[in-house]
Amino acid sequence: MRYQGLHDLLACSNSTRQYFLSLPVAMQVALHEQDAYIHTAAQLRARAEAIEQYNNAVRISRLLW
């Protein structure tokens, strides 16, 4: 099902809300910043994965400097 944004998705889907609340707070904040671009549970999981991959790449690049 497609929702208007992350806020609406979390308000209407218990399983998605449980997943969201299981994430670290920093990830939750980053996802809230993308509220208008998250309309489904699949998009939420994909955005969380993309943010995690980006954060890992940043950590690795800092180790190389």
PDB file of N, CA and C in Angstrom:
ATOM      1  N   MET A   1       0.844  -1.182   0.000  1.00  0.00           N
ATOM      2  CA  MET A   1       0.000   0.000   0.000  1.00  0.00           C
ATOM      3  C   MET A   1       0.889   1.244   0.000  1.00  0.00           C
ATOM      4  N   ARG A   2       0.476   2.263  -0.701  1.00  0.00           N
ATOM      5  CA  ARG A   2       1.241   3.508  -0.810  1.00  0.00           C
ATOM      6  C   ARG A   2       0.636   4.554   0.119  1.00  0.00           C
ATOM      7  N   TYR A   3       1.496   5.218   0.885  1.00  0.00           N
ATOM      8  CA  TYR A   3       1.073   6.248   1.830  1.00  0.00           C
ATOM      9  C   TYR A   3       1.606   7.602   1.385  1.00  0.00           C
ATOM     10  N   GLN A   4       1.120   8.670   2.005  1.00  0.00           N
ATOM     11  CA  GLN A   4       1.529  10.024   1.611  1.00  0.00           C
ATOM     12  C   GLN A   4       2.980  10.317   1.970  1.00  0.00           C
ATOM     13  N   GLY A   5       3.482   9.712   3.011  1.00  0.00           N
ATOM     14  CA  GLY A   5       4.854   9.933   3.438  1.00  0.00           C
ATOM     15  C   GLY A   5       5.189   9.011   4.589  1.00  0.00           C
ATOM     16  N   LEU A   6       6.392   9.139   5.090  1.00  0.00           N
ATOM     17  CA  LEU A   6       6.851   8.274   6.176  1.00  0.00           C
ATOM     18  C   LEU A   6       5.958   8.390   7.397  1.00  0.00           C
ATOM     19  N   HIS A   7       5.595   9.601   7.758  1.00  0.00           N
ATOM     20  CA  HIS A   7       4.754   9.803   8.947  1.00  0.00           C
ATOM     21  C   HIS A   7       3.451   9.015   8.824  1.00  0.00           C
ATOM     22  N   ASP A   8       2.803   9.121   7.687  1.00  0.00           N
ATOM     23  CA  ASP A   8       1.547   8.408   7.439  1.00  0.00           C
ATOM     24  C   ASP A   8       1.773   6.894   7.442  1.00  0.00           C
ATOM     25  N   LEU A   9       2.844   6.458   6.822  1.00  0.00           N
ATOM     26  CA  LEU A   9       3.190   5.036   6.784  1.00  0.00           C
ATOM     27  C   LEU A   9       3.357   4.479   8.192  1.00  0.00           C
ATOM     28  N   LEU A  10       4.096   5.189   9.028  1.00  0.00           N
ATOM     29  CA  LEU A  10       4.332   4.721  10.396  1.00  0.00           C
ATOM     30  C   LEU A  10       3.059   4.740  11.232  1.00  0.00           C
ATOM     31  N   ALA A  11       2.189   5.697  10.970  1.00  0.00           N
ATOM     32  CA  ALA A  11       0.934   5.794  11.719  1.00  0.00           C
ATOM     33  C   ALA A  11      -0.028   4.661  11.369  1.00  0.00           C
ATOM     34  N   CYS A  12       0.066   4.149  10.151  1.00  0.00           N
ATOM     35  CA  CYS A  12      -0.918   3.168   9.672  1.00  0.00           C
ATOM     36  C   CYS A  12      -0.431   1.722   9.669  1.00  0.00           C
ATOM     37  N   SER A  13       0.858   1.503   9.754  1.00  0.00           N
ATOM     38  CA  SER A  13       1.391   0.140   9.645  1.00  0.00           C
ATOM     39  C   SER A  13       2.176  -0.239  10.898  1.00  0.00           C
ATOM     40  N   ASN A  14       1.608  -1.135  11.695  1.00  0.00           N
ATOM     41  CA  ASN A  14       2.273  -1.561  12.930  1.00  0.00           C
ATOM     42  C   ASN A  14       3.603  -2.249  12.664  1.00  0.00           C
ATOM     43  N   SER A  15       3.651  -3.120  11.672  1.00  0.00           N
ATOM     44  CA  SER A  15       4.892  -3.849  11.400  1.00  0.00           C
ATOM     45  C   SER A  15       5.990  -2.904  10.913  1.00  0.00           C
ATOM     46  N   THR A  16       5.622  -1.932  10.101  1.00  0.00           N
ATOM     47  CA  THR A  16       6.605  -0.958   9.625  1.00  0.00           C
ATOM     48  C   THR A  16       7.080  -0.082  10.774  1.00  0.00           C
ATOM     49  N   ARG A  17       6.162   0.309  11.643  1.00  0.00           N
ATOM     50  CA  ARG A  17       6.538   1.110  12.810  1.00  0.00           C
ATOM     51  C   ARG A  17       7.501   0.331  13.705  1.00  0.00           C
ATOM     52  N   GLN A  18       7.252  -0.966  13.914  1.00  0.00           N
ATOM     53  CA  GLN A  18       8.150  -1.792  14.729  1.00  0.00           C
ATOM     54  C   GLN A  18       9.538  -1.856  14.102  1.00  0.00           C
ATOM     55  N   TYR A  19       9.597  -2.046  12.787  1.00  0.00           N
ATOM     56  CA  TYR A  19      10.883  -2.059  12.088  1.00  0.00           C
ATOM     57  C   TYR A  19      11.595  -0.726  12.275  1.00  0.00           C
ATOM     58  N   PHE A  20      10.878   0.365  12.043  1.00  0.00           N
ATOM     59  CA  PHE A  20      11.456   1.702  12.151  1.00  0.00           C
ATOM     60  C   PHE A  20      12.023   1.936  13.548  1.00  0.00           C
ATOM     61  N   LEU A  21      11.268   1.563  14.570  1.00  0.00           N
ATOM     62  CA  LEU A  21      11.707   1.787  15.949  1.00  0.00           C
ATOM     63  C   LEU A  21      12.865   0.880  16.346  1.00  0.00           C
ATOM     64  N   SER A  22      13.111  -0.176  15.584  1.00  0.00           N
ATOM     65  CA  SER A  22      14.249  -1.051  15.868  1.00  0.00           C
ATOM     66  C   SER A  22      15.561  -0.464  15.340  1.00  0.00           C
ATOM     67  N   LEU A  23      15.461   0.552  14.498  1.00  0.00           N
ATOM     68  CA  LEU A  23      16.647   1.183  13.922  1.00  0.00           C
ATOM     69  C   LEU A  23      17.284   2.141  14.927  1.00  0.00           C
ATOM     70  N   PRO A  24      18.595   2.383  14.793  1.00  0.00           N
ATOM     71  CA  PRO A  24      19.247   3.377  15.650  1.00  0.00           C
ATOM     72  C   PRO A  24      18.604   4.757  15.469  1.00  0.00           C
ATOM     73  N   VAL A  25      18.654   5.555  16.509  1.00  0.00           N
ATOM     74  CA  VAL A  25      18.020   6.875  16.482  1.00  0.00           C
ATOM     75  C   VAL A  25      18.570   7.733  15.344  1.00  0.00           C
ATOM     76  N   ALA A  26      19.864   7.688  15.112  1.00  0.00           N
ATOM     77  CA  ALA A  26      20.449   8.489  14.025  1.00  0.00           C
ATOM     78  C   ALA A  26      19.849   8.095  12.674  1.00  0.00           C
ATOM     79  N   MET A  27      19.599   6.813  12.486  1.00  0.00           N
ATOM     80  CA  MET A  27      18.975   6.348  11.246  1.00  0.00           C
ATOM     81  C   MET A  27      17.532   6.834  11.169  1.00  0.00           C
ATOM     82  N   GLN A  28      16.817   6.794  12.285  1.00  0.00           N
ATOM     83  CA  GLN A  28      15.437   7.278  12.312  1.00  0.00           C
ATOM     84  C   GLN A  28      15.378   8.753  11.915  1.00  0.00           C
ATOM     85  N   VAL A  29      16.295   9.536  12.439  1.00  0.00           N
ATOM     86  CA  VAL A  29      16.338  10.966  12.115  1.00  0.00           C
ATOM     87  C   VAL A  29      16.616  11.161  10.623  1.00  0.00           C
ATOM     88  N   ALA A  30      17.588  10.424  10.101  1.00  0.00           N
ATOM     89  CA  ALA A  30      17.922  10.538   8.675  1.00  0.00           C
ATOM     90  C   ALA A  30      16.726  10.163   7.801  1.00  0.00           C
ATOM     91  N   LEU A  31      15.994   9.149   8.205  1.00  0.00           N
ATOM     92  CA  LEU A  31      14.818   8.734   7.439  1.00  0.00           C
ATOM     93  C   LEU A  31      13.700   9.762   7.540  1.00  0.00           C
ATOM     94  N   HIS A  32      13.522  10.353   8.718  1.00  0.00           N
ATOM     95  CA  HIS A  32      12.496  11.396   8.861  1.00  0.00           C
ATOM     96  C   HIS A  32      12.797  12.584   7.950  1.00  0.00           C
ATOM     97  N   GLU A  33      14.072  12.862   7.710  1.00  0.00           N
ATOM     98  CA  GLU A  33      14.445  13.956   6.816  1.00  0.00           C
ATOM     99  C   GLU A  33      14.020  13.670   5.374  1.00  0.00           C
ATOM    100  N   GLN A  34      13.746  12.407   5.070  1.00  0.00           N
ATOM    101  CA  GLN A  34      13.338  12.014   3.722  1.00  0.00           C
ATOM    102  C   GLN A  34      11.859  11.628   3.675  1.00  0.00           C
ATOM    103  N   ASP A  35      11.089  12.138   4.611  1.00  0.00           N
ATOM    104  CA  ASP A  35       9.667  11.807   4.762  1.00  0.00           C
ATOM    105  C   ASP A  35       8.897  11.840   3.449  1.00  0.00           C
ATOM    106  N   ALA A  36       9.078  12.875   2.671  1.00  0.00           N
ATOM    107  CA  ALA A  36       8.291  13.066   1.442  1.00  0.00           C
ATOM    108  C   ALA A  36       8.622  12.053   0.353  1.00  0.00           C
ATOM    109  N   TYR A  37       9.726  11.328   0.507  1.00  0.00           N
ATOM    110  CA  TYR A  37      10.170  10.391  -0.523  1.00  0.00           C
ATOM    111  C   TYR A  37       9.922   8.932  -0.153  1.00  0.00           C
ATOM    112  N   ILE A  38       9.344   8.692   1.020  1.00  0.00           N
ATOM    113  CA  ILE A  38       9.098   7.325   1.489  1.00  0.00           C
ATOM    114  C   ILE A  38       7.594   7.110   1.574  1.00  0.00           C
ATOM    115  N   HIS A  39       7.086   6.237   0.705  1.00  0.00           N
ATOM    116  CA  HIS A  39       5.642   6.007   0.621  1.00  0.00           C
ATOM    117  C   HIS A  39       5.235   4.564   0.903  1.00  0.00           C
ATOM    118  N   THR A  40       6.207   3.648   0.937  1.00  0.00           N
ATOM    119  CA  THR A  40       5.909   2.235   1.167  1.00  0.00           C
ATOM    120  C   THR A  40       6.935   1.636   2.122  1.00  0.00           C
ATOM    121  N   ALA A  41       6.601   0.479   2.683  1.00  0.00           N
ATOM    122  CA  ALA A  41       7.543  -0.218   3.564  1.00  0.00           C
ATOM    123  C   ALA A  41       8.805  -0.602   2.794  1.00  0.00           C
ATOM    124  N   ALA A  42       8.643  -0.994   1.544  1.00  0.00           N
ATOM    125  CA  ALA A  42       9.802  -1.359   0.725  1.00  0.00           C
ATOM    126  C   ALA A  42      10.717  -0.157   0.503  1.00  0.00           C
ATOM    127  N   GLN A  43      10.140   1.010   0.266  1.00  0.00           N
ATOM    128  CA  GLN A  43      10.951   2.219   0.102  1.00  0.00           C
ATOM    129  C   GLN A  43      11.668   2.567   1.400  1.00  0.00           C
ATOM    130  N   LEU A  44      11.012   2.378   2.523  1.00  0.00           N
ATOM    131  CA  LEU A  44      11.644   2.642   3.818  1.00  0.00           C
ATOM    132  C   LEU A  44      12.863   1.752   3.999  1.00  0.00           C
ATOM    133  N   ARG A  45      12.703   0.468   3.757  1.00  0.00           N
ATOM    134  CA  ARG A  45      13.821  -0.469   3.908  1.00  0.00           C
ATOM    135  C   ARG A  45      14.942  -0.157   2.917  1.00  0.00           C
ATOM    136  N   ALA A  46      14.592   0.211   1.699  1.00  0.00           N
ATOM    137  CA  ALA A  46      15.599   0.549   0.694  1.00  0.00           C
ATOM    138  C   ALA A  46      16.363   1.809   1.088  1.00  0.00           C
ATOM    139  N   ARG A  47      15.658   2.811   1.589  1.00  0.00           N
ATOM    140  CA  ARG A  47      16.326   4.050   2.028  1.00  0.00           C
ATOM    141  C   ARG A  47      17.243   3.776   3.218  1.00  0.00           C
ATOM    142  N   ALA A  48      16.776   2.963   4.154  1.00  0.00           N
ATOM    143  CA  ALA A  48      17.600   2.626   5.318  1.00  0.00           C
ATOM    144  C   ALA A  48      18.867   1.904   4.869  1.00  0.00           C
ATOM    145  N   GLU A  49      18.732   0.984   3.940  1.00  0.00           N
ATOM    146  CA  GLU A  49      19.888   0.256   3.410  1.00  0.00           C
ATOM    147  C   GLU A  49      20.836   1.207   2.682  1.00  0.00           C
ATOM    148  N   ALA A  50      20.300   2.118   1.891  1.00  0.00           N
ATOM    149  CA  ALA A  50      21.137   3.078   1.162  1.00  0.00           C
ATOM    150  C   ALA A  50      21.895   3.988   2.125  1.00  0.00           C
ATOM    151  N   ILE A  51      21.233   4.436   3.168  1.00  0.00           N
ATOM    152  CA  ILE A  51      21.888   5.286   4.170  1.00  0.00           C
ATOM    153  C   ILE A  51      22.994   4.507   4.868  1.00  0.00           C
ATOM    154  N   GLU A  52      22.723   3.251   5.211  1.00  0.00           N
ATOM    155  CA  GLU A  52      23.729   2.418   5.872  1.00  0.00           C
ATOM    156  C   GLU A  52      24.934   2.200   4.958  1.00  0.00           C
ATOM    157  N   GLN A  53      24.699   1.932   3.692  1.00  0.00           N
ATOM    158  CA  GLN A  53      25.799   1.751   2.741  1.00  0.00           C
ATOM    159  C   GLN A  53      26.613   3.031   2.598  1.00  0.00           C
ATOM    160  N   TYR A  54      25.944   4.165   2.536  1.00  0.00           N
ATOM    161  CA  TYR A  54      26.638   5.450   2.447  1.00  0.00           C
ATOM    162  C   TYR A  54      27.497   5.679   3.691  1.00  0.00           C
ATOM    163  N   ASN A  55      26.914   5.453   4.871  1.00  0.00           N
ATOM    164  CA  ASN A  55      27.655   5.647   6.118  1.00  0.00           C
ATOM    165  C   ASN A  55      28.870   4.724   6.191  1.00  0.00           C
ATOM    166  N   ASN A  56      28.726   3.485   5.732  1.00  0.00           N
ATOM    167  CA  ASN A  56      29.856   2.553   5.709  1.00  0.00           C
ATOM    168  C   ASN A  56      30.941   3.037   4.758  1.00  0.00           C
ATOM    169  N   ALA A  57      30.562   3.551   3.605  1.00  0.00           N
ATOM    170  CA  ALA A  57      31.536   4.072   2.644  1.00  0.00           C
ATOM    171  C   ALA A  57      32.291   5.262   3.227  1.00  0.00           C
ATOM    172  N   VAL A  58      31.590   6.119   3.937  1.00  0.00           N
ATOM    173  CA  VAL A  58      32.232   7.270   4.576  1.00  0.00           C
ATOM    174  C   VAL A  58      33.223   6.794   5.634  1.00  0.00           C
ATOM    175  N   ARG A  59      32.833   5.818   6.450  1.00  0.00           N
ATOM    176  CA  ARG A  59      33.736   5.285   7.478  1.00  0.00           C
ATOM    177  C   ARG A  59      34.996   4.694   6.846  1.00  0.00           C
ATOM    178  N   ILE A  60      34.820   3.936   5.784  1.00  0.00           N
ATOM    179  CA  ILE A  60      35.966   3.323   5.110  1.00  0.00           C
ATOM    180  C   ILE A  60      36.872   4.393   4.520  1.00  0.00           C
ATOM    181  N   SER A  61      36.296   5.399   3.892  1.00  0.00           N
ATOM    182  CA  SER A  61      37.120   6.446   3.283  1.00  0.00           C
ATOM    183  C   SER A  61      37.908   7.213   4.334  1.00  0.00           C
ATOM    184  N   ARG A  62      37.330   7.384   5.500  1.00  0.00           N
ATOM    185  CA  ARG A  62      38.053   8.080   6.577  1.00  0.00           C
ATOM    186  C   ARG A  62      39.221   7.247   7.082  1.00  0.00           C
ATOM    187  N   LEU A  63      39.082   5.936   7.054  1.00  0.00           N
ATOM    188  CA  LEU A  63      40.179   5.060   7.469  1.00  0.00           C
ATOM    189  C   LEU A  63      41.344   5.123   6.495  1.00  0.00           C
ATOM    190  N   LEU A  64      41.054   5.418   5.251  1.00  0.00           N
ATOM    191  CA  LEU A  64      42.089   5.451   4.222  1.00  0.00           C
ATOM    192  C   LEU A  64      42.885   6.754   4.223  1.00  0.00           C
ATOM    193  N   TRP A  65      42.379   7.762   4.868  1.00  0.00           N
ATOM    194  CA  TRP A  65      43.081   9.042   4.891  1.00  0.00           C
ATOM    195  C   TRP A  65      44.040   9.044   5.995  1.00  0.00           C
TER     196      TRP A  65
END
